[in-house]
């Protein structure tokens, strides 16, 4: 079973983990680390690597970053991916992605990444269009 590490700017990663705890009651196998204002890249990199070492399993680790090109993601690219095997990383994290990642923990990491990215895209909806569609459908009944 792979584990999940959410990385972000500020407290976003921890907020996702706390939201998962609220929804599912558990946060086993999920870590969160965010770079805080005023924190050096070196200090964040040390915290990031500690979490990677703690969470990496024989089945792997899925890292979900908030922003491609941001410091947390760039450090994963520069420091983590080259040093550790069995790690996949995705960016643009949203709550549907994290929930999907936890749902697929017993599957292969490659399959899970596909499902996670699909859930992330699917979670982005135009609510006005969705609501209009619901209104039209209810009027047809």
Foldseek 3Di string as FASTA:
>chain_A
DAAEEEEEADCPQVVLQVVCCVVPVDNPRYYYAYHYPPRDLVVSLVVVVVVLVVGQDPLAYEYEYADPPDSVNVSCVVPPPVPDPRYHYDYNDDNQLVVQLVVCVVPHPVVSVVSSVVSSVVVDDDVVVVVVVVVVVVVVD
